[in-house]
N, C-alpha and C. Protein backbone atom coordinates (compact mmCIF):
# COMPACT_ATOMS: atom_id res chain seq x y z
N UNK A 1 40.70 -38.35 17.58
CA UNK A 1 40.57 -37.28 16.61
C UNK A 1 39.12 -37.09 16.22
N UNK A 2 38.41 -38.20 16.01
CA UNK A 2 37.02 -38.13 15.62
C UNK A 2 36.19 -37.47 16.72
N UNK A 3 36.54 -37.72 17.97
CA UNK A 3 35.82 -37.11 19.08
C UNK A 3 36.00 -35.60 19.10
N UNK A 4 37.13 -35.11 18.78
CA UNK A 4 37.39 -33.68 18.75
C UNK A 4 36.56 -33.02 17.65
N UNK A 5 36.47 -33.65 16.50
CA UNK A 5 35.72 -33.08 15.39
C UNK A 5 34.22 -33.04 15.70
N UNK A 6 33.72 -34.01 16.44
CA UNK A 6 32.31 -34.03 16.79
C UNK A 6 31.97 -32.90 17.74
N UNK A 7 32.87 -32.58 18.64
CA UNK A 7 32.63 -31.54 19.64
C UNK A 7 32.74 -30.14 19.05
N UNK A 8 33.49 -29.98 18.01
CA UNK A 8 33.69 -28.68 17.40
C UNK A 8 32.53 -28.40 16.44
N UNK A 9 31.85 -27.29 16.66
CA UNK A 9 30.75 -26.91 15.78
C UNK A 9 31.24 -25.85 14.81
N UNK A 10 30.75 -25.95 13.59
CA UNK A 10 31.10 -24.94 12.61
C UNK A 10 30.33 -23.66 12.94
N UNK A 11 31.01 -22.57 12.81
CA UNK A 11 30.36 -21.29 13.09
C UNK A 11 29.35 -20.97 12.00
N UNK A 12 28.16 -20.56 12.42
CA UNK A 12 27.13 -20.19 11.45
C UNK A 12 27.38 -18.75 11.00
N UNK A 13 27.28 -18.52 9.70
CA UNK A 13 27.47 -17.14 9.25
C UNK A 13 26.31 -16.26 9.73
N UNK A 14 26.64 -15.09 10.18
CA UNK A 14 25.62 -14.16 10.65
C UNK A 14 25.04 -13.40 9.46
N UNK A 15 23.76 -13.10 9.58
CA UNK A 15 23.12 -12.30 8.53
C UNK A 15 23.70 -10.89 8.58
N UNK A 16 24.16 -10.43 7.45
CA UNK A 16 24.74 -9.09 7.39
C UNK A 16 23.72 -8.06 6.94
N UNK A 17 22.61 -8.52 6.40
CA UNK A 17 21.58 -7.60 5.94
C UNK A 17 20.51 -7.50 7.02
N UNK A 18 20.21 -6.28 7.41
CA UNK A 18 19.19 -6.08 8.44
C UNK A 18 17.82 -6.40 7.86
N UNK A 19 17.04 -7.13 8.63
CA UNK A 19 15.69 -7.47 8.19
C UNK A 19 14.78 -6.28 8.49
N UNK A 20 13.87 -5.96 7.54
CA UNK A 20 12.99 -4.81 7.79
C UNK A 20 12.02 -5.11 8.91
N UNK A 21 11.74 -4.09 9.69
CA UNK A 21 10.79 -4.26 10.78
C UNK A 21 9.38 -4.17 10.21
N UNK A 22 8.47 -4.86 10.85
CA UNK A 22 7.08 -4.79 10.43
C UNK A 22 6.52 -3.43 10.83
N UNK A 23 5.88 -2.76 9.89
CA UNK A 23 5.32 -1.44 10.13
C UNK A 23 3.81 -1.56 10.05
N UNK A 24 3.08 -0.95 10.97
CA UNK A 24 1.63 -1.01 10.90
C UNK A 24 1.11 -0.48 9.57
N UNK A 25 0.03 -1.04 9.09
CA UNK A 25 -0.54 -0.68 7.79
C UNK A 25 -0.92 0.79 7.73
N UNK A 26 -1.31 1.37 8.84
CA UNK A 26 -1.73 2.77 8.83
C UNK A 26 -0.56 3.69 8.50
N UNK A 27 0.63 3.27 8.80
CA UNK A 27 1.79 4.11 8.52
C UNK A 27 2.24 3.93 7.06
N UNK A 28 2.11 2.73 6.53
CA UNK A 28 2.60 2.48 5.18
C UNK A 28 1.62 2.93 4.10
N UNK A 29 0.33 3.05 4.42
CA UNK A 29 -0.62 3.44 3.39
C UNK A 29 -0.52 4.95 3.16
N UNK A 30 -0.40 5.29 1.89
CA UNK A 30 -0.26 6.68 1.51
C UNK A 30 -1.43 7.04 0.61
N UNK A 31 -2.07 8.15 0.91
CA UNK A 31 -3.16 8.61 0.08
C UNK A 31 -4.47 7.94 0.43
N UNK A 32 -5.50 8.33 -0.32
CA UNK A 32 -6.83 7.80 -0.04
C UNK A 32 -6.97 6.34 -0.47
N UNK A 33 -7.85 5.63 0.20
CA UNK A 33 -8.10 4.24 -0.16
C UNK A 33 -9.03 4.20 -1.37
N UNK A 34 -9.05 3.09 -2.09
CA UNK A 34 -9.98 2.95 -3.22
C UNK A 34 -11.44 3.13 -2.79
N UNK A 35 -11.76 2.72 -1.57
CA UNK A 35 -13.12 2.87 -1.07
C UNK A 35 -13.48 4.34 -0.90
N UNK A 36 -12.54 5.14 -0.40
CA UNK A 36 -12.79 6.58 -0.24
C UNK A 36 -12.98 7.24 -1.60
N UNK A 37 -12.16 6.87 -2.55
CA UNK A 37 -12.27 7.44 -3.89
C UNK A 37 -13.61 7.04 -4.51
N UNK A 38 -13.99 5.78 -4.35
CA UNK A 38 -15.26 5.29 -4.91
C UNK A 38 -16.45 6.04 -4.33
N UNK A 39 -16.44 6.29 -3.02
CA UNK A 39 -17.55 7.02 -2.39
C UNK A 39 -17.68 8.42 -2.97
N UNK A 40 -16.56 9.12 -3.09
CA UNK A 40 -16.61 10.48 -3.62
C UNK A 40 -16.97 10.48 -5.10
N UNK A 41 -16.45 9.52 -5.86
CA UNK A 41 -16.79 9.42 -7.28
C UNK A 41 -18.28 9.17 -7.46
N UNK A 42 -18.85 8.33 -6.61
CA UNK A 42 -20.29 8.07 -6.68
C UNK A 42 -21.07 9.34 -6.37
N UNK A 43 -20.60 10.10 -5.41
CA UNK A 43 -21.25 11.37 -5.07
C UNK A 43 -21.22 12.32 -6.26
N UNK A 44 -20.08 12.41 -6.94
CA UNK A 44 -19.99 13.28 -8.12
C UNK A 44 -20.94 12.81 -9.22
N UNK A 45 -21.02 11.49 -9.41
CA UNK A 45 -21.89 10.92 -10.42
C UNK A 45 -23.36 11.25 -10.10
N UNK A 46 -23.71 11.13 -8.82
CA UNK A 46 -25.08 11.45 -8.39
C UNK A 46 -25.38 12.93 -8.62
N UNK A 47 -24.43 13.79 -8.30
CA UNK A 47 -24.61 15.23 -8.49
C UNK A 47 -24.82 15.59 -9.96
N UNK A 48 -24.24 14.76 -10.85
CA UNK A 48 -24.39 15.01 -12.28
C UNK A 48 -25.67 14.37 -12.83
N UNK A 49 -26.46 13.73 -11.95
CA UNK A 49 -27.73 13.16 -12.39
C UNK A 49 -27.64 11.73 -12.88
N UNK A 50 -26.65 10.99 -12.48
CA UNK A 50 -26.46 9.59 -12.85
C UNK A 50 -26.46 9.36 -14.37
N UNK A 51 -25.71 10.15 -15.11
CA UNK A 51 -25.73 9.98 -16.57
C UNK A 51 -24.96 8.72 -17.00
N UNK A 52 -25.29 8.23 -18.19
CA UNK A 52 -24.52 7.14 -18.79
C UNK A 52 -23.23 7.75 -19.30
N UNK A 53 -22.22 6.97 -19.41
CA UNK A 53 -20.98 7.51 -19.94
C UNK A 53 -19.77 6.96 -19.25
N UNK A 54 -18.86 7.86 -18.95
CA UNK A 54 -17.54 7.48 -18.49
C UNK A 54 -17.39 7.64 -16.98
N UNK A 55 -17.38 6.54 -16.22
CA UNK A 55 -17.18 6.65 -14.77
C UNK A 55 -15.75 7.07 -14.41
N UNK A 56 -14.84 6.91 -15.38
CA UNK A 56 -13.45 7.30 -15.12
C UNK A 56 -13.34 8.79 -14.82
N UNK A 57 -14.19 9.59 -15.43
CA UNK A 57 -14.18 11.04 -15.21
C UNK A 57 -14.41 11.35 -13.72
N UNK A 58 -15.42 10.71 -13.13
CA UNK A 58 -15.72 10.94 -11.72
C UNK A 58 -14.64 10.36 -10.82
N UNK A 59 -14.12 9.18 -11.20
CA UNK A 59 -13.07 8.55 -10.40
C UNK A 59 -11.82 9.44 -10.36
N UNK A 60 -11.39 9.92 -11.52
CA UNK A 60 -10.18 10.75 -11.56
C UNK A 60 -10.39 12.05 -10.81
N UNK A 61 -11.57 12.64 -10.94
CA UNK A 61 -11.87 13.88 -10.21
C UNK A 61 -11.81 13.63 -8.70
N UNK A 62 -12.41 12.53 -8.25
CA UNK A 62 -12.40 12.20 -6.82
C UNK A 62 -10.99 11.92 -6.33
N UNK A 63 -10.23 11.19 -7.11
CA UNK A 63 -8.86 10.87 -6.73
C UNK A 63 -8.02 12.14 -6.60
N UNK A 64 -8.15 13.03 -7.57
CA UNK A 64 -7.39 14.28 -7.52
C UNK A 64 -7.81 15.13 -6.32
N UNK A 65 -9.09 15.17 -6.07
CA UNK A 65 -9.60 15.95 -4.94
C UNK A 65 -9.05 15.41 -3.62
N UNK A 66 -9.11 14.10 -3.44
CA UNK A 66 -8.66 13.52 -2.19
C UNK A 66 -7.14 13.57 -2.02
N UNK A 67 -6.41 13.54 -3.09
CA UNK A 67 -4.95 13.64 -3.01
C UNK A 67 -4.46 15.08 -2.95
N UNK A 68 -5.38 16.02 -3.17
CA UNK A 68 -5.03 17.43 -3.11
C UNK A 68 -4.30 17.90 -4.35
N UNK A 69 -4.57 17.25 -5.48
CA UNK A 69 -3.93 17.61 -6.74
C UNK A 69 -4.84 18.59 -7.47
N UNK A 70 -4.31 19.74 -7.81
CA UNK A 70 -5.09 20.72 -8.57
C UNK A 70 -5.15 20.30 -10.03
N UNK A 71 -6.33 20.35 -10.59
CA UNK A 71 -6.44 19.98 -12.01
C UNK A 71 -6.55 21.20 -12.89
């Protein structure tokens, strides 16, 4: 009897949830990169004469421009 039990293997449960496939980064990235936004924001800041103040203004303008959002 013990020999029969040793030969019989318990069935392993199969995964019922499909594992996601790896997708290249170029497909998963949506919108401009932070580097692209930073370059354009710096350009806007330079065009304004490098004033002291709020860099967020240039960043948001660059982000909206690159995403195609009308302000």
